[in-house]
């Protein structure tokens, strides 16, 4: 083979390896999932945010985030106490936004 032929072959193989490595890496991205949930009610004053767990996870859960950033796993929003916490957090976020996130009650609340 000519010198340019060898270089072309090398770059083709290199390109294929890089593409396959990128695809494999993307497919292996871990999902942060709750393995169990706390069935006891959590004091809503401790919670600053919440989100639904990803559908890729094995159980349905709501992730509650404390004012210090700790994540707690709670049952789905079908539970009454979880609904109350979510309603409280929504009210807290609205109130803090109106007050420009000033005051102790806005500690840990993320800006929207």
PDB file of N, CA and C in Angstrom:
ATOM      1  N   UNK A   1       0.831  -1.190   0.000  1.00  0.00           N
ATOM      2  CA  UNK A   1       0.000   0.000   0.000  1.00  0.00           C
ATOM      3  C   UNK A   1       0.871   1.247   0.000  1.00  0.00           C
ATOM      4  N   UNK A   2       0.296   2.290  -0.509  1.00  0.00           N
ATOM      5  CA  UNK A   2       0.996   3.571  -0.527  1.00  0.00           C
ATOM      6  C   UNK A   2       0.942   4.203   0.855  1.00  0.00           C
ATOM      7  N   UNK A   3       1.835   5.144   1.128  1.00  0.00           N
ATOM      8  CA  UNK A   3       1.814   5.811   2.441  1.00  0.00           C
ATOM      9  C   UNK A   3       0.468   6.469   2.743  1.00  0.00           C
ATOM     10  N   UNK A   4      -0.167   7.050   1.723  1.00  0.00           N
ATOM     11  CA  UNK A   4      -1.459   7.702   1.965  1.00  0.00           C
ATOM     12  C   UNK A   4      -2.552   6.667   2.205  1.00  0.00           C
ATOM     13  N   UNK A   5      -2.434   5.527   1.579  1.00  0.00           N
ATOM     14  CA  UNK A   5      -3.418   4.453   1.782  1.00  0.00           C
ATOM     15  C   UNK A   5      -3.400   3.956   3.211  1.00  0.00           C
ATOM     16  N   UNK A   6      -2.196   3.798   3.777  1.00  0.00           N
ATOM     17  CA  UNK A   6      -2.064   3.372   5.172  1.00  0.00           C
ATOM     18  C   UNK A   6      -2.662   4.409   6.117  1.00  0.00           C
ATOM     19  N   UNK A   7      -2.415   5.676   5.848  1.00  0.00           N
ATOM     20  CA  UNK A   7      -2.937   6.752   6.701  1.00  0.00           C
ATOM     21  C   UNK A   7      -4.460   6.787   6.645  1.00  0.00           C
ATOM     22  N   UNK A   8      -5.023   6.611   5.450  1.00  0.00           N
ATOM     23  CA  UNK A   8      -6.489   6.610   5.312  1.00  0.00           C
ATOM     24  C   UNK A   8      -7.097   5.444   6.080  1.00  0.00           C
ATOM     25  N   UNK A   9      -6.495   4.277   5.959  1.00  0.00           N
ATOM     26  CA  UNK A   9      -6.983   3.098   6.672  1.00  0.00           C
ATOM     27  C   UNK A   9      -6.904   3.325   8.184  1.00  0.00           C
ATOM     28  N   UNK A  10      -5.792   3.867   8.647  1.00  0.00           N
ATOM     29  CA  UNK A  10      -5.617   4.148  10.071  1.00  0.00           C
ATOM     30  C   UNK A  10      -6.692   5.112  10.579  1.00  0.00           C
ATOM     31  N   UNK A  11      -6.940   6.203   9.854  1.00  0.00           N
ATOM     32  CA  UNK A  11      -7.938   7.183  10.291  1.00  0.00           C
ATOM     33  C   UNK A  11      -9.352   6.617  10.243  1.00  0.00           C
ATOM     34  N   UNK A  12      -9.634   5.741   9.274  1.00  0.00           N
ATOM     35  CA  UNK A  12     -10.955   5.098   9.227  1.00  0.00           C
ATOM     36  C   UNK A  12     -11.169   4.220  10.454  1.00  0.00           C
ATOM     37  N   UNK A  13     -10.171   3.416  10.795  1.00  0.00           N
ATOM     38  CA  UNK A  13     -10.276   2.546  11.970  1.00  0.00           C
ATOM     39  C   UNK A  13     -10.372   3.390  13.240  1.00  0.00           C
ATOM     40  N   UNK A  14      -9.568   4.429  13.342  1.00  0.00           N
ATOM     41  CA  UNK A  14      -9.592   5.325  14.497  1.00  0.00           C
ATOM     42  C   UNK A  14     -10.966   5.972  14.654  1.00  0.00           C
ATOM     43  N   UNK A  15     -11.553   6.434  13.560  1.00  0.00           N
ATOM     44  CA  UNK A  15     -12.873   7.069  13.577  1.00  0.00           C
ATOM     45  C   UNK A  15     -13.941   6.089  14.053  1.00  0.00           C
ATOM     46  N   UNK A  16     -13.910   4.862  13.572  1.00  0.00           N
ATOM     47  CA  UNK A  16     -14.891   3.845  13.971  1.00  0.00           C
ATOM     48  C   UNK A  16     -14.764   3.541  15.461  1.00  0.00           C
ATOM     49  N   UNK A  17     -13.547   3.428  15.954  1.00  0.00           N
ATOM     50  CA  UNK A  17     -13.336   3.153  17.382  1.00  0.00           C
ATOM     51  C   UNK A  17     -13.858   4.306  18.236  1.00  0.00           C
ATOM     52  N   UNK A  18     -13.581   5.527  17.839  1.00  0.00           N
ATOM     53  CA  UNK A  18     -14.056   6.697  18.597  1.00  0.00           C
ATOM     54  C   UNK A  18     -15.578   6.760  18.619  1.00  0.00           C
ATOM     55  N   UNK A  19     -16.208   6.505  17.489  1.00  0.00           N
ATOM     56  CA  UNK A  19     -17.677   6.548  17.421  1.00  0.00           C
ATOM     57  C   UNK A  19     -18.300   5.463  18.279  1.00  0.00           C
ATOM     58  N   UNK A  20     -17.758   4.256  18.234  1.00  0.00           N
ATOM     59  CA  UNK A  20     -18.327   3.168  19.026  1.00  0.00           C
ATOM     60  C   UNK A  20     -18.116   3.419  20.515  1.00  0.00           C
ATOM     61  N   UNK A  21     -17.000   4.015  20.895  1.00  0.00           N
ATOM     62  CA  UNK A  21     -16.755   4.339  22.307  1.00  0.00           C
ATOM     63  C   UNK A  21     -17.735   5.399  22.797  1.00  0.00           C
ATOM     64  N   UNK A  22     -18.037   6.374  21.959  1.00  0.00           N
ATOM     65  CA  UNK A  22     -18.983   7.429  22.340  1.00  0.00           C
ATOM     66  C   UNK A  22     -20.382   6.860  22.510  1.00  0.00           C
ATOM     67  N   UNK A  23     -20.782   5.946  21.644  1.00  0.00           N
ATOM     68  CA  UNK A  23     -22.114   5.338  21.734  1.00  0.00           C
ATOM     69  C   UNK A  23     -22.206   4.478  22.983  1.00  0.00           C
ATOM     70  N   UNK A  24     -21.183   3.702  23.278  1.00  0.00           N
ATOM     71  CA  UNK A  24     -21.198   2.856  24.462  1.00  0.00           C
ATOM     72  C   UNK A  24     -21.227   3.696  25.729  1.00  0.00           C
ATOM     73  N   UNK A  25     -20.501   4.781  25.772  1.00  0.00           N
ATOM     74  CA  UNK A  25     -20.472   5.651  26.943  1.00  0.00           C
ATOM     75  C   UNK A  25     -21.836   6.277  27.173  1.00  0.00           C
ATOM     76  N   UNK A  26     -22.487   6.729  26.121  1.00  0.00           N
ATOM     77  CA  UNK A  26     -23.793   7.362  26.243  1.00  0.00           C
ATOM     78  C   UNK A  26     -24.837   6.375  26.737  1.00  0.00           C
ATOM     79  N   UNK A  27     -24.749   5.137  26.338  1.00  0.00           N
ATOM     80  CA  UNK A  27     -25.724   4.129  26.736  1.00  0.00           C
ATOM     81  C   UNK A  27     -25.545   3.713  28.188  1.00  0.00           C
ATOM     82  N   UNK A  28     -24.383   3.939  28.767  1.00  0.00           N
ATOM     83  CA  UNK A  28     -24.106   3.494  30.117  1.00  0.00           C
ATOM     84  C   UNK A  28     -24.202   4.610  31.151  1.00  0.00           C
ATOM     85  N   UNK A  29     -24.869   5.707  30.829  1.00  0.00           N
ATOM     86  CA  UNK A  29     -25.018   6.812  31.769  1.00  0.00           C
ATOM     87  C   UNK A  29     -25.913   6.341  32.917  1.00  0.00           C
ATOM     88  N   UNK A  30     -25.427   6.383  34.156  1.00  0.00           N
ATOM     89  CA  UNK A  30     -26.239   5.915  35.273  1.00  0.00           C
ATOM     90  C   UNK A  30     -27.376   6.888  35.582  1.00  0.00           C
ATOM     91  N   UNK A  31     -28.496   6.332  36.006  1.00  0.00           N
ATOM     92  CA  UNK A  31     -29.647   7.131  36.398  1.00  0.00           C
ATOM     93  C   UNK A  31     -29.724   7.079  37.918  1.00  0.00           C
ATOM     94  N   UNK A  32     -29.874   8.234  38.554  1.00  0.00           N
ATOM     95  CA  UNK A  32     -29.960   8.310  40.002  1.00  0.00           C
ATOM     96  C   UNK A  32     -31.376   7.935  40.414  1.00  0.00           C
ATOM     97  N   UNK A  33     -31.550   6.759  41.003  1.00  0.00           N
ATOM     98  CA  UNK A  33     -32.881   6.252  41.345  1.00  0.00           C
ATOM     99  C   UNK A  33     -33.015   5.988  42.839  1.00  0.00           C
ATOM    100  N   UNK A  34     -34.228   6.176  43.337  1.00  0.00           N
ATOM    101  CA  UNK A  34     -34.556   5.778  44.704  1.00  0.00           C
ATOM    102  C   UNK A  34     -34.755   4.266  44.709  1.00  0.00           C
ATOM    103  N   UNK A  35     -34.191   3.594  45.696  1.00  0.00           N
ATOM    104  CA  UNK A  35     -34.370   2.154  45.814  1.00  0.00           C
ATOM    105  C   UNK A  35     -35.508   1.822  46.760  1.00  0.00           C
ATOM    106  N   UNK A  36     -35.841   2.763  47.637  1.00  0.00           N
ATOM    107  CA  UNK A  36     -36.973   2.611  48.550  1.00  0.00           C
ATOM    108  C   UNK A  36     -37.473   4.006  48.899  1.00  0.00           C
ATOM    109  N   UNK A  37     -38.646   4.068  49.507  1.00  0.00           N
ATOM    110  CA  UNK A  37     -39.227   5.362  49.867  1.00  0.00           C
ATOM    111  C   UNK A  37     -39.540   5.407  51.360  1.00  0.00           C
ATOM    112  N   UNK A  38     -39.545   6.616  51.912  1.00  0.00           N
ATOM    113  CA  UNK A  38     -39.906   6.824  53.314  1.00  0.00           C
ATOM    114  C   UNK A  38     -41.419   6.973  53.394  1.00  0.00           C
ATOM    115  N   UNK A  39     -42.069   6.084  54.113  1.00  0.00           N
ATOM    116  CA  UNK A  39     -43.525   6.156  54.225  1.00  0.00           C
ATOM    117  C   UNK A  39     -43.979   7.075  55.348  1.00  0.00           C
ATOM    118  N   UNK A  40     -43.041   7.484  56.213  1.00  0.00           N
ATOM    119  CA  UNK A  40     -43.391   8.416  57.274  1.00  0.00           C
ATOM    120  C   UNK A  40     -43.356   9.829  56.726  1.00  0.00           C
ATOM    121  N   UNK A  41     -44.333  10.649  57.096  1.00  0.00           N
ATOM    122  CA  UNK A  41     -44.344  12.041  56.630  1.00  0.00           C
ATOM    123  C   UNK A  41     -43.085  12.794  57.053  1.00  0.00           C
ATOM    124  N   UNK A  42     -42.631  13.675  56.180  1.00  0.00           N
ATOM    125  CA  UNK A  42     -41.455  14.509  56.425  1.00  0.00           C
ATOM    126  C   UNK A  42     -41.939  15.939  56.633  1.00  0.00           C
ATOM    127  N   UNK A  43     -41.380  16.615  57.616  1.00  0.00           N
ATOM    128  CA  UNK A  43     -41.780  17.990  57.922  1.00  0.00           C
ATOM    129  C   UNK A  43     -41.576  18.877  56.696  1.00  0.00           C
ATOM    130  N   UNK A  44     -42.652  19.472  56.225  1.00  0.00           N
ATOM    131  CA  UNK A  44     -42.596  20.265  54.991  1.00  0.00           C
ATOM    132  C   UNK A  44     -41.707  21.498  55.117  1.00  0.00           C
ATOM    133  N   UNK A  45     -41.466  21.970  56.332  1.00  0.00           N
ATOM    134  CA  UNK A  45     -40.607  23.145  56.521  1.00  0.00           C
ATOM    135  C   UNK A  45     -39.143  22.850  56.211  1.00  0.00           C
ATOM    136  N   UNK A  46     -38.777  21.571  56.162  1.00  0.00           N
ATOM    137  CA  UNK A  46     -37.399  21.182  55.864  1.00  0.00           C
ATOM    138  C   UNK A  46     -37.121  21.102  54.366  1.00  0.00           C
ATOM    139  N   UNK A  47     -38.179  21.078  53.557  1.00  0.00           N
ATOM    140  CA  UNK A  47     -38.050  20.822  52.121  1.00  0.00           C
ATOM    141  C   UNK A  47     -38.041  22.130  51.337  1.00  0.00           C
ATOM    142  N   UNK A  48     -37.099  22.242  50.382  1.00  0.00           N
ATOM    143  CA  UNK A  48     -36.976  23.447  49.556  1.00  0.00           C
ATOM    144  C   UNK A  48     -37.293  23.181  48.089  1.00  0.00           C
ATOM    145  N   UNK A  49     -37.313  21.905  47.681  1.00  0.00           N
ATOM    146  CA  UNK A  49     -37.589  21.586  46.278  1.00  0.00           C
ATOM    147  C   UNK A  49     -38.041  20.136  46.177  1.00  0.00           C
ATOM    148  N   UNK A  50     -38.581  19.766  45.033  1.00  0.00           N
ATOM    149  CA  UNK A  50     -38.985  18.387  44.772  1.00  0.00           C
ATOM    150  C   UNK A  50     -38.948  18.143  43.271  1.00  0.00           C
ATOM    151  N   UNK A  51     -38.918  16.855  42.913  1.00  0.00           N
ATOM    152  CA  UNK A  51     -39.032  16.464  41.507  1.00  0.00           C
ATOM    153  C   UNK A  51     -39.495  15.020  41.445  1.00  0.00           C
ATOM    154  N   UNK A  52     -40.072  14.661  40.321  1.00  0.00           N
ATOM    155  CA  UNK A  52     -40.498  13.286  40.106  1.00  0.00           C
ATOM    156  C   UNK A  52     -39.278  12.461  39.703  1.00  0.00           C
ATOM    157  N   UNK A  53     -39.229  11.229  40.163  1.00  0.00           N
ATOM    158  CA  UNK A  53     -38.134  10.341  39.783  1.00  0.00           C
ATOM    159  C   UNK A  53     -38.269   9.966  38.308  1.00  0.00           C
ATOM    160  N   UNK A  54     -37.154   9.714  37.657  1.00  0.00           N
ATOM    161  CA  UNK A  54     -37.134   9.364  36.232  1.00  0.00           C
ATOM    162  C   UNK A  54     -37.915   8.079  35.971  1.00  0.00           C
ATOM    163  N   UNK A  55     -38.522   8.007  34.805  1.00  0.00           N
ATOM    164  CA  UNK A  55     -39.313   6.830  34.423  1.00  0.00           C
ATOM    165  C   UNK A  55     -38.444   5.591  34.250  1.00  0.00           C
ATOM    166  N   UNK A  56     -37.143   5.769  34.048  1.00  0.00           N
ATOM    167  CA  UNK A  56     -36.244   4.630  33.860  1.00  0.00           C
ATOM    168  C   UNK A  56     -36.006   3.867  35.164  1.00  0.00           C
ATOM    169  N   UNK A  57     -36.409   4.427  36.282  1.00  0.00           N
ATOM    170  CA  UNK A  57     -36.193   3.798  37.589  1.00  0.00           C
ATOM    171  C   UNK A  57     -37.252   2.729  37.852  1.00  0.00           C
ATOM    172  N   UNK A  58     -36.920   1.785  38.733  1.00  0.00           N
ATOM    173  CA  UNK A  58     -37.800   0.638  38.963  1.00  0.00           C
ATOM    174  C   UNK A  58     -39.025   0.950  39.826  1.00  0.00           C
ATOM    175  N   UNK A  59     -38.972   1.989  40.667  1.00  0.00           N
ATOM    176  CA  UNK A  59     -40.140   2.344  41.477  1.00  0.00           C
ATOM    177  C   UNK A  59     -40.533   3.795  41.220  1.00  0.00           C
ATOM    178  N   UNK A  60     -41.814   4.080  41.410  1.00  0.00           N
ATOM    179  CA  UNK A  60     -42.293   5.456  41.296  1.00  0.00           C
ATOM    180  C   UNK A  60     -42.012   6.159  42.621  1.00  0.00           C
ATOM    181  N   UNK A  61     -41.461   7.351  42.539  1.00  0.00           N
ATOM    182  CA  UNK A  61     -41.141   8.097  43.753  1.00  0.00           C
ATOM    183  C   UNK A  61     -41.059   9.582  43.451  1.00  0.00           C
ATOM    184  N   UNK A  62     -41.169  10.360  44.517  1.00  0.00           N
ATOM    185  CA  UNK A  62     -40.948  11.796  44.456  1.00  0.00           C
ATOM    186  C   UNK A  62     -39.674  12.070  45.240  1.00  0.00           C
ATOM    187  N   UNK A  63     -38.760  12.821  44.654  1.00  0.00           N
ATOM    188  CA  UNK A  63     -37.511  13.152  45.340  1.00  0.00           C
ATOM    189  C   UNK A  63     -37.670  14.525  45.973  1.00  0.00           C
ATOM    190  N   UNK A  64     -37.585  14.557  47.297  1.00  0.00           N
ATOM    191  CA  UNK A  64     -37.690  15.803  48.051  1.00  0.00           C
ATOM    192  C   UNK A  64     -36.277  16.276  48.372  1.00  0.00           C
ATOM    193  N   UNK A  65     -36.012  17.551  48.143  1.00  0.00           N
ATOM    194  CA  UNK A  65     -34.681  18.112  48.389  1.00  0.00           C
ATOM    195  C   UNK A  65     -34.777  19.037  49.595  1.00  0.00           C
ATOM    196  N   UNK A  66     -33.957  18.767  50.614  1.00  0.00           N
ATOM    197  CA  UNK A  66     -33.989  19.587  51.825  1.00  0.00           C
ATOM    198  C   UNK A  66     -33.309  20.928  51.576  1.00  0.00           C
ATOM    199  N   UNK A  67     -33.437  21.818  52.523  1.00  0.00           N
ATOM    200  CA  UNK A  67     -32.824  23.143  52.420  1.00  0.00           C
ATOM    201  C   UNK A  67     -31.294  23.057  52.364  1.00  0.00           C
ATOM    202  N   UNK A  68     -30.740  21.959  52.859  1.00  0.00           N
ATOM    203  CA  UNK A  68     -29.285  21.761  52.831  1.00  0.00           C
ATOM    204  C   UNK A  68     -28.846  20.924  51.630  1.00  0.00           C
ATOM    205  N   UNK A  69     -29.776  20.606  50.720  1.00  0.00           N
ATOM    206  CA  UNK A  69     -29.434  19.897  49.492  1.00  0.00           C
ATOM    207  C   UNK A  69     -29.493  18.383  49.572  1.00  0.00           C
ATOM    208  N   UNK A  70     -29.899  17.841  50.700  1.00  0.00           N
ATOM    209  CA  UNK A  70     -29.999  16.388  50.844  1.00  0.00           C
ATOM    210  C   UNK A  70     -31.247  15.893  50.120  1.00  0.00           C
ATOM    211  N   UNK A  71     -31.147  14.767  49.431  1.00  0.00           N
ATOM    212  CA  UNK A  71     -32.275  14.221  48.675  1.00  0.00           C
ATOM    213  C   UNK A  71     -32.916  13.089  49.457  1.00  0.00           C
ATOM    214  N   UNK A  72     -34.235  13.169  49.602  1.00  0.00           N
ATOM    215  CA  UNK A  72     -34.999  12.154  50.315  1.00  0.00           C
ATOM    216  C   UNK A  72     -36.016  11.544  49.359  1.00  0.00           C
ATOM    217  N   UNK A  73     -36.195  10.246  49.449  1.00  0.00           N
ATOM    218  CA  UNK A  73     -37.140   9.553  48.574  1.00  0.00           C
ATOM    219  C   UNK A  73     -38.473   9.390  49.289  1.00  0.00           C
ATOM    220  N   UNK A  74     -39.525   9.855  48.643  1.00  0.00           N
ATOM    221  CA  UNK A  74     -40.876   9.783  49.197  1.00  0.00           C
ATOM    222  C   UNK A  74     -41.773   9.065  48.191  1.00  0.00           C
ATOM    223  N   UNK A  75     -42.931   8.585  48.652  1.00  0.00           N
ATOM    224  CA  UNK A  75     -43.856   7.948  47.713  1.00  0.00           C
ATOM    225  C   UNK A  75     -44.310   8.934  46.638  1.00  0.00           C
ATOM    226  N   UNK A  76     -45.079   8.454  45.700  1.00  0.00           N
ATOM    227  CA  UNK A  76     -45.566   9.318  44.624  1.00  0.00           C
ATOM    228  C   UNK A  76     -46.484  10.395  45.183  1.00  0.00           C
ATOM    229  N   UNK A  77     -46.809  11.347  44.337  1.00  0.00           N
ATOM    230  CA  UNK A  77     -47.639  12.474  44.771  1.00  0.00           C
ATOM    231  C   UNK A  77     -49.082  12.071  45.054  1.00  0.00           C
ATOM    232  N   UNK A  78     -49.396  10.793  44.922  1.00  0.00           N
ATOM    233  CA  UNK A  78     -50.742  10.319  45.263  1.00  0.00           C
ATOM    234  C   UNK A  78     -50.948  10.332  46.780  1.00  0.00           C
ATOM    235  N   UNK A  79     -49.866  10.225  47.536  1.00  0.00           N
ATOM    236  CA  UNK A  79     -49.965  10.268  49.001  1.00  0.00           C
ATOM    237  C   UNK A  79     -50.317  11.687  49.439  1.00  0.00           C
ATOM    238  N   UNK A  80     -51.234  11.797  50.379  1.00  0.00           N
ATOM    239  CA  UNK A  80     -51.703  13.114  50.821  1.00  0.00           C
ATOM    240  C   UNK A  80     -50.571  13.975  51.386  1.00  0.00           C
ATOM    241  N   UNK A  81     -49.728  13.400  52.237  1.00  0.00           N
ATOM    242  CA  UNK A  81     -48.670  14.205  52.852  1.00  0.00           C
ATOM    243  C   UNK A  81     -47.662  14.684  51.818  1.00  0.00           C
ATOM    244  N   UNK A  82     -47.433  13.904  50.764  1.00  0.00           N
ATOM    245  CA  UNK A  82     -46.513  14.330  49.704  1.00  0.00           C
ATOM    246  C   UNK A  82     -47.129  15.491  48.928  1.00  0.00           C
ATOM    247  N   UNK A  83     -48.443  15.414  48.676  1.00  0.00           N
ATOM    248  CA  UNK A  83     -49.147  16.528  48.014  1.00  0.00           C
ATOM    249  C   UNK A  83     -49.023  17.801  48.841  1.00  0.00           C
ATOM    250  N   UNK A  84     -49.174  17.657  50.160  1.00  0.00           N
ATOM    251  CA  UNK A  84     -49.068  18.822  51.048  1.00  0.00           C
ATOM    252  C   UNK A  84     -47.666  19.436  51.000  1.00  0.00           C
ATOM    253  N   UNK A  85     -46.643  18.593  50.984  1.00  0.00           N
ATOM    254  CA  UNK A  85     -45.261  19.088  50.900  1.00  0.00           C
ATOM    255  C   UNK A  85     -45.053  19.816  49.577  1.00  0.00           C
ATOM    256  N   UNK A  86     -45.525  19.235  48.480  1.00  0.00           N
ATOM    257  CA  UNK A  86     -45.361  19.847  47.160  1.00  0.00           C
ATOM    258  C   UNK A  86     -46.078  21.194  47.089  1.00  0.00           C
ATOM    259  N   UNK A  87     -47.276  21.249  47.641  1.00  0.00           N
ATOM    260  CA  UNK A  87     -48.039  22.502  47.658  1.00  0.00           C
ATOM    261  C   UNK A  87     -47.298  23.562  48.477  1.00  0.00           C
ATOM    262  N   UNK A  88     -46.755  23.156  49.621  1.00  0.00           N
ATOM    263  CA  UNK A  88     -45.993  24.072  50.474  1.00  0.00           C
ATOM    264  C   UNK A  88     -44.760  24.607  49.732  1.00  0.00           C
ATOM    265  N   UNK A  89     -44.040  23.722  49.044  1.00  0.00           N
ATOM    266  CA  UNK A  89     -42.830  24.129  48.313  1.00  0.00           C
ATOM    267  C   UNK A  89     -43.191  25.090  47.185  1.00  0.00           C
ATOM    268  N   UNK A  90     -44.271  24.810  46.464  1.00  0.00           N
ATOM    269  CA  UNK A  90     -44.702  25.712  45.388  1.00  0.00           C
ATOM    270  C   UNK A  90     -45.019  27.103  45.939  1.00  0.00           C
ATOM    271  N   UNK A  91     -45.722  27.137  47.078  1.00  0.00           N
ATOM    272  CA  UNK A  91     -46.051  28.411  47.731  1.00  0.00           C
ATOM    273  C   UNK A  91     -44.772  29.118  48.197  1.00  0.00           C
ATOM    274  N   UNK A  92     -43.845  28.350  48.771  1.00  0.00           N
ATOM    275  CA  UNK A  92     -42.579  28.904  49.255  1.00  0.00           C
ATOM    276  C   UNK A  92     -41.778  29.515  48.106  1.00  0.00           C
ATOM    277  N   UNK A  93     -41.694  28.813  46.987  1.00  0.00           N
ATOM    278  CA  UNK A  93     -40.949  29.324  45.825  1.00  0.00           C
ATOM    279  C   UNK A  93     -41.552  30.624  45.310  1.00  0.00           C
ATOM    280  N   UNK A  94     -42.875  30.661  45.246  1.00  0.00           N
ATOM    281  CA  UNK A  94     -43.562  31.870  44.767  1.00  0.00           C
ATOM    282  C   UNK A  94     -43.305  33.036  45.720  1.00  0.00           C
ATOM    283  N   UNK A  95     -43.433  32.773  47.012  1.00  0.00           N
ATOM    284  CA  UNK A  95     -43.228  33.810  48.028  1.00  0.00           C
ATOM    285  C   UNK A  95     -41.788  34.325  48.001  1.00  0.00           C
ATOM    286  N   UNK A  96     -40.833  33.409  47.908  1.00  0.00           N
ATOM    287  CA  UNK A  96     -39.418  33.811  47.889  1.00  0.00           C
ATOM    288  C   UNK A  96     -39.081  34.593  46.629  1.00  0.00           C
ATOM    289  N   UNK A  97     -39.670  34.207  45.512  1.00  0.00           N
ATOM    290  CA  UNK A  97     -39.425  34.938  44.266  1.00  0.00           C
ATOM    291  C   UNK A  97     -39.939  36.368  44.389  1.00  0.00           C
ATOM    292  N   UNK A  98     -41.122  36.530  44.980  1.00  0.00           N
ATOM    293  CA  UNK A  98     -41.692  37.864  45.170  1.00  0.00           C
ATOM    294  C   UNK A  98     -40.855  38.711  46.125  1.00  0.00           C
ATOM    295  N   UNK A  99     -40.203  38.066  47.079  1.00  0.00           N
ATOM    296  CA  UNK A  99     -39.379  38.781  48.062  1.00  0.00           C
ATOM    297  C   UNK A  99     -37.898  38.769  47.685  1.00  0.00           C
ATOM    298  N   UNK A 100     -37.608  38.429  46.432  1.00  0.00           N
ATOM    299  CA  UNK A 100     -36.231  38.408  45.908  1.00  0.00           C
ATOM    300  C   UNK A 100     -35.311  37.513  46.742  1.00  0.00           C
ATOM    301  N   UNK A 101     -35.871  36.417  47.244  1.00  0.00           N
ATOM    302  CA  UNK A 101     -35.138  35.386  47.981  1.00  0.00           C
ATOM    303  C   UNK A 101     -34.445  35.929  49.228  1.00  0.00           C
ATOM    304  N   UNK A 102     -35.041  36.925  49.852  1.00  0.00           N
ATOM    305  CA  UNK A 102     -34.514  37.497  51.088  1.00  0.00           C
ATOM    306  C   UNK A 102     -35.245  36.865  52.269  1.00  0.00           C
ATOM    307  N   UNK A 103     -34.556  36.705  53.371  1.00  0.00           N
ATOM    308  CA  UNK A 103     -35.162  36.193  54.595  1.00  0.00           C
ATOM    309  C   UNK A 103     -34.791  34.744  54.857  1.00  0.00           C
ATOM    310  N   UNK A 104     -34.894  34.361  56.127  1.00  0.00           N
ATOM    311  CA  UNK A 104     -34.532  33.004  56.542  1.00  0.00           C
ATOM    312  C   UNK A 104     -35.429  31.943  55.925  1.00  0.00           C
ATOM    313  N   UNK A 105     -36.693  32.280  55.678  1.00  0.00           N
ATOM    314  CA  UNK A 105     -37.610  31.283  55.122  1.00  0.00           C
ATOM    315  C   UNK A 105     -37.240  30.898  53.690  1.00  0.00           C
ATOM    316  N   UNK A 106     -36.371  31.667  53.039  1.00  0.00           N
ATOM    317  CA  UNK A 106     -35.940  31.366  51.664  1.00  0.00           C
ATOM    318  C   UNK A 106     -34.599  30.637  51.622  1.00  0.00           C
ATOM    319  N   UNK A 107     -34.052  30.290  52.783  1.00  0.00           N
ATOM    320  CA  UNK A 107     -32.785  29.566  52.820  1.00  0.00           C
ATOM    321  C   UNK A 107     -32.928  28.231  52.087  1.00  0.00           C
ATOM    322  N   UNK A 108     -32.049  27.970  51.141  1.00  0.00           N
ATOM    323  CA  UNK A 108     -32.047  26.709  50.406  1.00  0.00           C
ATOM    324  C   UNK A 108     -32.954  26.662  49.196  1.00  0.00           C
ATOM    325  N   UNK A 109     -33.783  27.684  49.009  1.00  0.00           N
ATOM    326  CA  UNK A 109     -34.698  27.709  47.866  1.00  0.00           C
ATOM    327  C   UNK A 109     -33.926  28.188  46.644  1.00  0.00           C
ATOM    328  N   UNK A 110     -33.977  27.398  45.573  1.00  0.00           N
ATOM    329  CA  UNK A 110     -33.239  27.757  44.353  1.00  0.00           C
ATOM    330  C   UNK A 110     -33.988  28.822  43.577  1.00  0.00           C
ATOM    331  N   UNK A 111     -33.233  29.735  43.010  1.00  0.00           N
ATOM    332  CA  UNK A 111     -33.822  30.796  42.184  1.00  0.00           C
ATOM    333  C   UNK A 111     -34.344  30.214  40.886  1.00  0.00           C
ATOM    334  N   UNK A 112     -35.477  30.723  40.461  1.00  0.00           N
ATOM    335  CA  UNK A 112     -36.078  30.252  39.202  1.00  0.00           C
ATOM    336  C   UNK A 112     -35.734  31.169  38.073  1.00  0.00           C
TER     337      UNK A 112
END
